[in-house]
Amino acid sequence: MTNFILLSILAYLLGSIPFGYIIPKLKGIDIRTIGSKATSTTNVSRALGWRWAILSGALDVIKGVIPAYLAMKYLNNDWQIITVCLLPVLGHVFPIWLKFKGGKGAAPFFGATLVLIGPKFVLFFLIWILILILVRIMSLTNILFPWILAIILFFYFPYTYFVYGILGAILITIALRENIKRLIKGVEPKVAFRW
């Protein structure tokens, strides 16, 4: 139980580190005044281009990888493991350091999922790429993919993983609620691949 409590605290606090805020800030830009005002990878791309957005996104993925890896290594209870894996997503969306206003949660969710299901996630990630190519809207891609992933987890993985997928999809969808409003209005911007 001690390991679970410590890893839960670590997972949330690590997830709360706002790389999407820190990187632009180091270049003199407050990301919260640009675009969607979120600390998301997509918004970093609007402010600084995809080179810096990829760095921000990679660091956000790692926020999910580290707690998930430690949970798999030191915890035996599947419910505790998926809880620790979800907490970086929660921290990313509701970071304690930025008054609980953060990113959209997709990157740490993908990182934790990669550790949970292993190399097979690379195959599933191709679905994400395909959706992005087809719709060219990052928010829509990040809404659709977690739900598709949850369905895949239901059929091919333990039940706890399905619960993890559903809860992750719900968190990300909640974080993208403003994007959903713009999607409904038809004003959500498409991805601009500016390097």
C-alpha atoms as a PDB file:
ATOM      1  CA  MET A   1       0.000   0.000   0.000  1.00  0.00           C
ATOM      2  CA  THR A   2       2.897   2.358   0.751  1.00  0.00           C
ATOM      3  CA  ASN A   3       4.284   1.848  -2.758  1.00  0.00           C
ATOM      4  CA  PHE A   4       0.859   2.565  -4.229  1.00  0.00           C
ATOM      5  CA  ILE A   5       0.447   5.810  -2.275  1.00  0.00           C
ATOM      6  CA  LEU A   6       3.955   7.042  -3.109  1.00  0.00           C
ATOM      7  CA  LEU A   7       3.620   6.145  -6.782  1.00  0.00           C
ATOM      8  CA  SER A   8       0.203   7.797  -6.954  1.00  0.00           C
ATOM      9  CA  ILE A   9       1.596  11.059  -5.567  1.00  0.00           C
ATOM     10  CA  LEU A  10       4.597  10.864  -7.903  1.00  0.00           C
ATOM     11  CA  ALA A  11       2.378  10.112 -10.912  1.00  0.00           C
ATOM     12  CA  TYR A  12       0.107  13.085 -10.325  1.00  0.00           C
ATOM     13  CA  LEU A  13       2.933  15.541  -9.583  1.00  0.00           C
ATOM     14  CA  LEU A  14       4.967  14.350 -12.563  1.00  0.00           C
ATOM     15  CA  GLY A  15       1.904  14.634 -14.770  1.00  0.00           C
ATOM     16  CA  SER A  16       1.435  18.174 -13.477  1.00  0.00           C
ATOM     17  CA  ILE A  17       4.799  19.392 -14.807  1.00  0.00           C
ATOM     18  CA  PRO A  18       3.639  21.756 -17.589  1.00  0.00           C
ATOM     19  CA  PHE A  19       6.270  21.300 -20.283  1.00  0.00           C
ATOM     20  CA  GLY A  20       3.880  22.919 -22.763  1.00  0.00           C
ATOM     21  CA  TYR A  21       4.048  26.030 -20.588  1.00  0.00           C
ATOM     22  CA  ILE A  22       7.734  25.872 -19.604  1.00  0.00           C
ATOM     23  CA  ILE A  23       9.212  25.513 -23.104  1.00  0.00           C
ATOM     24  CA  PRO A  24       7.419  28.546 -24.613  1.00  0.00           C
ATOM     25  CA  LYS A  25       8.082  30.522 -21.408  1.00  0.00           C
ATOM     26  CA  LEU A  26      11.825  29.932 -21.832  1.00  0.00           C
ATOM     27  CA  LYS A  27      11.462  31.582 -25.245  1.00  0.00           C
ATOM     28  CA  GLY A  28       9.540  34.529 -23.807  1.00  0.00           C
ATOM     29  CA  ILE A  29       6.035  33.346 -24.734  1.00  0.00           C
ATOM     30  CA  ASP A  30       3.120  32.757 -22.380  1.00  0.00           C
ATOM     31  CA  ILE A  31       1.308  29.871 -24.092  1.00  0.00           C
ATOM     32  CA  ARG A  32      -1.835  30.699 -22.123  1.00  0.00           C
ATOM     33  CA  THR A  33      -2.322  33.815 -24.268  1.00  0.00           C
ATOM     34  CA  ILE A  34      -2.105  32.023 -27.634  1.00  0.00           C
ATOM     35  CA  GLY A  35      -4.560  29.917 -29.639  1.00  0.00           C
ATOM     36  CA  SER A  36      -6.579  27.629 -27.394  1.00  0.00           C
ATOM     37  CA  LYS A  37      -4.628  28.967 -24.371  1.00  0.00           C
ATOM     38  CA  ALA A  38      -3.901  25.352 -23.380  1.00  0.00           C
ATOM     39  CA  THR A  39      -0.463  23.937 -22.588  1.00  0.00           C
ATOM     40  CA  SER A  40      -1.003  21.243 -25.208  1.00  0.00           C
ATOM     41  CA  THR A  41       1.449  20.081 -27.868  1.00  0.00           C
ATOM     42  CA  THR A  42      -0.846  21.424 -30.582  1.00  0.00           C
ATOM     43  CA  ASN A  43      -0.888  24.872 -29.012  1.00  0.00           C
ATOM     44  CA  VAL A  44       2.903  24.821 -28.640  1.00  0.00           C
ATOM     45  CA  SER A  45       3.063  24.123 -32.387  1.00  0.00           C
ATOM     46  CA  ARG A  46       0.992  27.246 -33.010  1.00  0.00           C
ATOM     47  CA  ALA A  47       3.355  29.339 -30.912  1.00  0.00           C
ATOM     48  CA  LEU A  48       6.743  27.855 -31.804  1.00  0.00           C
ATOM     49  CA  GLY A  49       6.317  25.376 -34.666  1.00  0.00           C
ATOM     50  CA  TRP A  50       6.401  21.588 -34.606  1.00  0.00           C
ATOM     51  CA  ARG A  51      10.086  21.259 -33.705  1.00  0.00           C
ATOM     52  CA  TRP A  52       9.399  22.571 -30.207  1.00  0.00           C
ATOM     53  CA  ALA A  53       5.970  20.968 -30.073  1.00  0.00           C
ATOM     54  CA  ILE A  54       7.498  17.528 -30.668  1.00  0.00           C
ATOM     55  CA  LEU A  55       9.926  18.129 -27.786  1.00  0.00           C
ATOM     56  CA  SER A  56       7.056  19.208 -25.548  1.00  0.00           C
ATOM     57  CA  GLY A  57       4.961  16.232 -26.622  1.00  0.00           C
ATOM     58  CA  ALA A  58       7.813  13.767 -26.071  1.00  0.00           C
ATOM     59  CA  LEU A  59       8.345  15.064 -22.533  1.00  0.00           C
ATOM     60  CA  ASP A  60       4.603  14.765 -21.904  1.00  0.00           C
ATOM     61  CA  VAL A  61       4.681  11.159 -23.134  1.00  0.00           C
ATOM     62  CA  ILE A  62       7.533  10.439 -20.716  1.00  0.00           C
ATOM     63  CA  LYS A  63       5.349  11.771 -17.877  1.00  0.00           C
ATOM     64  CA  GLY A  64       3.093   8.793 -18.544  1.00  0.00           C
ATOM     65  CA  VAL A  65       5.881   6.289 -19.190  1.00  0.00           C
ATOM     66  CA  ILE A  66       7.776   6.700 -15.910  1.00  0.00           C
ATOM     67  CA  PRO A  67       4.889   6.169 -13.434  1.00  0.00           C
ATOM     68  CA  ALA A  68       3.471   3.317 -15.538  1.00  0.00           C
ATOM     69  CA  TYR A  69       6.859   1.588 -15.633  1.00  0.00           C
ATOM     70  CA  LEU A  70       7.308   1.953 -11.860  1.00  0.00           C
ATOM     71  CA  ALA A  71       3.747   0.737 -11.253  1.00  0.00           C
ATOM     72  CA  MET A  72       4.310  -2.364 -13.389  1.00  0.00           C
ATOM     73  CA  LYS A  73       7.573  -3.015 -11.553  1.00  0.00           C
ATOM     74  CA  TYR A  74       6.527  -2.433  -7.946  1.00  0.00           C
ATOM     75  CA  LEU A  75       2.766  -3.098  -7.812  1.00  0.00           C
ATOM     76  CA  ASN A  76       0.965  -6.413  -8.178  1.00  0.00           C
ATOM     77  CA  ASN A  77      -2.645  -5.246  -8.069  1.00  0.00           C
ATOM     78  CA  ASP A  78      -4.029  -4.429 -11.541  1.00  0.00           C
ATOM     79  CA  TRP A  79      -6.450  -1.817 -10.175  1.00  0.00           C
ATOM     80  CA  GLN A  80      -3.598  -0.013  -8.412  1.00  0.00           C
ATOM     81  CA  ILE A  81      -1.504  -0.171 -11.594  1.00  0.00           C
ATOM     82  CA  ILE A  82      -4.171   1.402 -13.807  1.00  0.00           C
ATOM     83  CA  THR A  83      -4.825   4.063 -11.151  1.00  0.00           C
ATOM     84  CA  VAL A  84      -1.164   5.088 -11.170  1.00  0.00           C
ATOM     85  CA  CYS A  85      -1.231   5.034 -14.989  1.00  0.00           C
ATOM     86  CA  LEU A  86      -4.208   7.410 -15.075  1.00  0.00           C
ATOM     87  CA  LEU A  87      -2.868   9.910 -12.547  1.00  0.00           C
ATOM     88  CA  PRO A  88      -0.311  11.523 -14.920  1.00  0.00           C
ATOM     89  CA  VAL A  89      -3.212  12.157 -17.310  1.00  0.00           C
ATOM     90  CA  LEU A  90      -5.179  13.764 -14.477  1.00  0.00           C
ATOM     91  CA  GLY A  91      -2.135  15.831 -13.491  1.00  0.00           C
ATOM     92  CA  HIS A  92      -1.585  16.932 -17.081  1.00  0.00           C
ATOM     93  CA  VAL A  93      -5.194  18.068 -17.502  1.00  0.00           C
ATOM     94  CA  PHE A  94      -5.468  19.566 -13.999  1.00  0.00           C
ATOM     95  CA  PRO A  95      -1.901  20.574 -12.989  1.00  0.00           C
ATOM     96  CA  ILE A  96      -1.444  21.816  -9.467  1.00  0.00           C
ATOM     97  CA  TRP A  97       1.301  24.195 -10.655  1.00  0.00           C
ATOM     98  CA  LEU A  98      -0.988  26.103 -13.077  1.00  0.00           C
ATOM     99  CA  LYS A  99      -4.153  26.429 -11.001  1.00  0.00           C
ATOM    100  CA  PHE A 100      -5.493  23.160 -12.468  1.00  0.00           C
ATOM    101  CA  LYS A 101      -5.610  24.486 -16.063  1.00  0.00           C
ATOM    102  CA  GLY A 102      -3.373  22.384 -18.267  1.00  0.00           C
ATOM    103  CA  GLY A 103      -3.236  20.333 -21.440  1.00  0.00           C
ATOM    104  CA  LYS A 104      -5.521  17.754 -22.970  1.00  0.00           C
ATOM    105  CA  GLY A 105      -4.013  14.565 -21.522  1.00  0.00           C
ATOM    106  CA  ALA A 106      -3.424  12.581 -24.708  1.00  0.00           C
ATOM    107  CA  ALA A 107       0.394  12.454 -24.537  1.00  0.00           C
ATOM    108  CA  PRO A 108       0.756  11.037 -21.001  1.00  0.00           C
ATOM    109  CA  PHE A 109      -2.150   8.663 -21.738  1.00  0.00           C
ATOM    110  CA  PHE A 110      -0.286   7.344 -24.783  1.00  0.00           C
ATOM    111  CA  GLY A 111       2.913   7.017 -22.746  1.00  0.00           C
ATOM    112  CA  ALA A 112       1.252   5.034 -19.981  1.00  0.00           C
ATOM    113  CA  THR A 113      -0.588   2.862 -22.511  1.00  0.00           C
ATOM    114  CA  LEU A 114       2.675   2.085 -24.278  1.00  0.00           C
ATOM    115  CA  VAL A 115       4.058   0.651 -21.037  1.00  0.00           C
ATOM    116  CA  LEU A 116       0.832  -1.192 -20.181  1.00  0.00           C
ATOM    117  CA  ILE A 117       0.460  -3.091 -23.431  1.00  0.00           C
ATOM    118  CA  GLY A 118       4.019  -3.021 -24.728  1.00  0.00           C
ATOM    119  CA  PRO A 119       5.206  -2.907 -28.348  1.00  0.00           C
ATOM    120  CA  LYS A 120       1.697  -3.706 -29.634  1.00  0.00           C
ATOM    121  CA  PHE A 121       0.825  -0.084 -28.912  1.00  0.00           C
ATOM    122  CA  VAL A 122       2.968   0.958 -31.879  1.00  0.00           C
ATOM    123  CA  LEU A 123       0.502  -0.881 -34.149  1.00  0.00           C
ATOM    124  CA  PHE A 124      -2.438   0.843 -32.474  1.00  0.00           C
ATOM    125  CA  PHE A 125      -0.673   4.194 -32.761  1.00  0.00           C
ATOM    126  CA  LEU A 126      -0.769   3.758 -36.525  1.00  0.00           C
ATOM    127  CA  ILE A 127      -4.548   4.106 -36.160  1.00  0.00           C
ATOM    128  CA  TRP A 128      -3.951   7.501 -34.520  1.00  0.00           C
ATOM    129  CA  ILE A 129      -1.727   8.565 -37.414  1.00  0.00           C
ATOM    130  CA  LEU A 130      -4.309   7.362 -39.947  1.00  0.00           C
ATOM    131  CA  ILE A 131      -7.106   9.309 -38.228  1.00  0.00           C
ATOM    132  CA  LEU A 132      -4.937  12.452 -38.126  1.00  0.00           C
ATOM    133  CA  ILE A 133      -4.122  12.129 -41.836  1.00  0.00           C
ATOM    134  CA  LEU A 134      -7.802  11.671 -42.684  1.00  0.00           C
ATOM    135  CA  VAL A 135      -9.310  14.443 -40.553  1.00  0.00           C
ATOM    136  CA  ARG A 136      -6.285  16.769 -40.155  1.00  0.00           C
ATOM    137  CA  ILE A 137      -7.714  18.018 -36.855  1.00  0.00           C
ATOM    138  CA  MET A 138      -5.624  17.126 -33.803  1.00  0.00           C
ATOM    139  CA  SER A 139      -8.417  17.514 -31.263  1.00  0.00           C
ATOM    140  CA  LEU A 140     -10.794  15.261 -33.208  1.00  0.00           C
ATOM    141  CA  THR A 141      -8.022  12.686 -33.586  1.00  0.00           C
ATOM    142  CA  ASN A 142      -7.368  12.767 -29.849  1.00  0.00           C
ATOM    143  CA  ILE A 143     -11.069  12.407 -29.100  1.00  0.00           C
ATOM    144  CA  LEU A 144     -11.648   9.458 -31.425  1.00  0.00           C
ATOM    145  CA  PHE A 145      -8.498   7.445 -30.786  1.00  0.00           C
ATOM    146  CA  PRO A 146      -8.857   6.795 -27.012  1.00  0.00           C
ATOM    147  CA  TRP A 147     -12.394   5.479 -27.538  1.00  0.00           C
ATOM    148  CA  ILE A 148     -11.241   3.213 -30.367  1.00  0.00           C
ATOM    149  CA  LEU A 149      -8.357   2.075 -28.169  1.00  0.00           C
ATOM    150  CA  ALA A 150     -10.760   1.307 -25.302  1.00  0.00           C
ATOM    151  CA  ILE A 151     -12.784  -0.945 -27.636  1.00  0.00           C
ATOM    152  CA  ILE A 152      -9.609  -2.778 -28.688  1.00  0.00           C
ATOM    153  CA  LEU A 153      -8.610  -3.188 -25.031  1.00  0.00           C
ATOM    154  CA  PHE A 154     -12.035  -4.678 -24.282  1.00  0.00           C
ATOM    155  CA  PHE A 155     -11.613  -7.466 -26.826  1.00  0.00           C
ATOM    156  CA  TYR A 156      -7.934  -8.319 -26.476  1.00  0.00           C
ATOM    157  CA  PHE A 157      -6.717  -7.329 -23.019  1.00  0.00           C
ATOM    158  CA  PRO A 158      -7.676  -7.800 -19.335  1.00  0.00           C
ATOM    159  CA  TYR A 159     -10.872  -6.096 -18.135  1.00  0.00           C
ATOM    160  CA  THR A 160      -8.900  -3.664 -15.968  1.00  0.00           C
ATOM    161  CA  TYR A 161      -7.177  -2.358 -19.095  1.00  0.00           C
ATOM    162  CA  PHE A 162     -10.566  -1.711 -20.676  1.00  0.00           C
ATOM    163  CA  VAL A 163     -11.586   0.294 -17.589  1.00  0.00           C
ATOM    164  CA  TYR A 164      -8.301   2.192 -17.887  1.00  0.00           C
ATOM    165  CA  GLY A 165      -9.053   2.923 -21.544  1.00  0.00           C
ATOM    166  CA  ILE A 166     -12.590   4.143 -20.836  1.00  0.00           C
ATOM    167  CA  LEU A 167     -11.511   6.390 -17.955  1.00  0.00           C
ATOM    168  CA  GLY A 168      -8.658   7.788 -20.022  1.00  0.00           C
ATOM    169  CA  ALA A 169     -11.005   8.480 -22.927  1.00  0.00           C
ATOM    170  CA  ILE A 170     -13.454  10.244 -20.596  1.00  0.00           C
ATOM    171  CA  LEU A 171     -10.688  12.419 -19.094  1.00  0.00           C
ATOM    172  CA  ILE A 172      -9.362  13.408 -22.499  1.00  0.00           C
ATOM    173  CA  THR A 173     -12.851  14.114 -23.846  1.00  0.00           C
ATOM    174  CA  ILE A 174     -13.581  16.354 -20.855  1.00  0.00           C
ATOM    175  CA  ALA A 175     -10.292  18.178 -21.412  1.00  0.00           C
ATOM    176  CA  LEU A 176     -11.240  18.708 -25.063  1.00  0.00           C
ATOM    177  CA  ARG A 177     -14.733  20.051 -24.329  1.00  0.00           C
ATOM    178  CA  GLU A 178     -13.945  23.529 -25.717  1.00  0.00           C
ATOM    179  CA  ASN A 179     -12.525  21.915 -28.849  1.00  0.00           C
ATOM    180  CA  ILE A 180     -15.734  19.909 -29.201  1.00  0.00           C
ATOM    181  CA  LYS A 181     -17.727  23.145 -29.178  1.00  0.00           C
ATOM    182  CA  ARG A 182     -15.519  24.503 -31.966  1.00  0.00           C
ATOM    183  CA  LEU A 183     -15.850  21.242 -33.896  1.00  0.00           C
ATOM    184  CA  ILE A 184     -19.627  21.509 -33.719  1.00  0.00           C
ATOM    185  CA  LYS A 185     -19.435  25.097 -34.993  1.00  0.00           C
ATOM    186  CA  GLY A 186     -17.022  24.037 -37.739  1.00  0.00           C
ATOM    187  CA  VAL A 187     -14.312  26.458 -36.643  1.00  0.00           C
ATOM    188  CA  GLU A 188     -11.747  24.076 -35.120  1.00  0.00           C
ATOM    189  CA  PRO A 189      -8.440  24.704 -36.950  1.00  0.00           C
ATOM    190  CA  LYS A 190      -6.764  21.990 -38.984  1.00  0.00           C
ATOM    191  CA  VAL A 191      -3.203  20.926 -38.290  1.00  0.00           C
ATOM    192  CA  ALA A 192      -0.646  23.214 -39.901  1.00  0.00           C
ATOM    193  CA  PHE A 193       2.589  21.268 -40.307  1.00  0.00           C
ATOM    194  CA  ARG A 194       4.854  24.290 -39.784  1.00  0.00           C
ATOM    195  CA  TRP A 195       8.291  23.055 -38.782  1.00  0.00           C
END
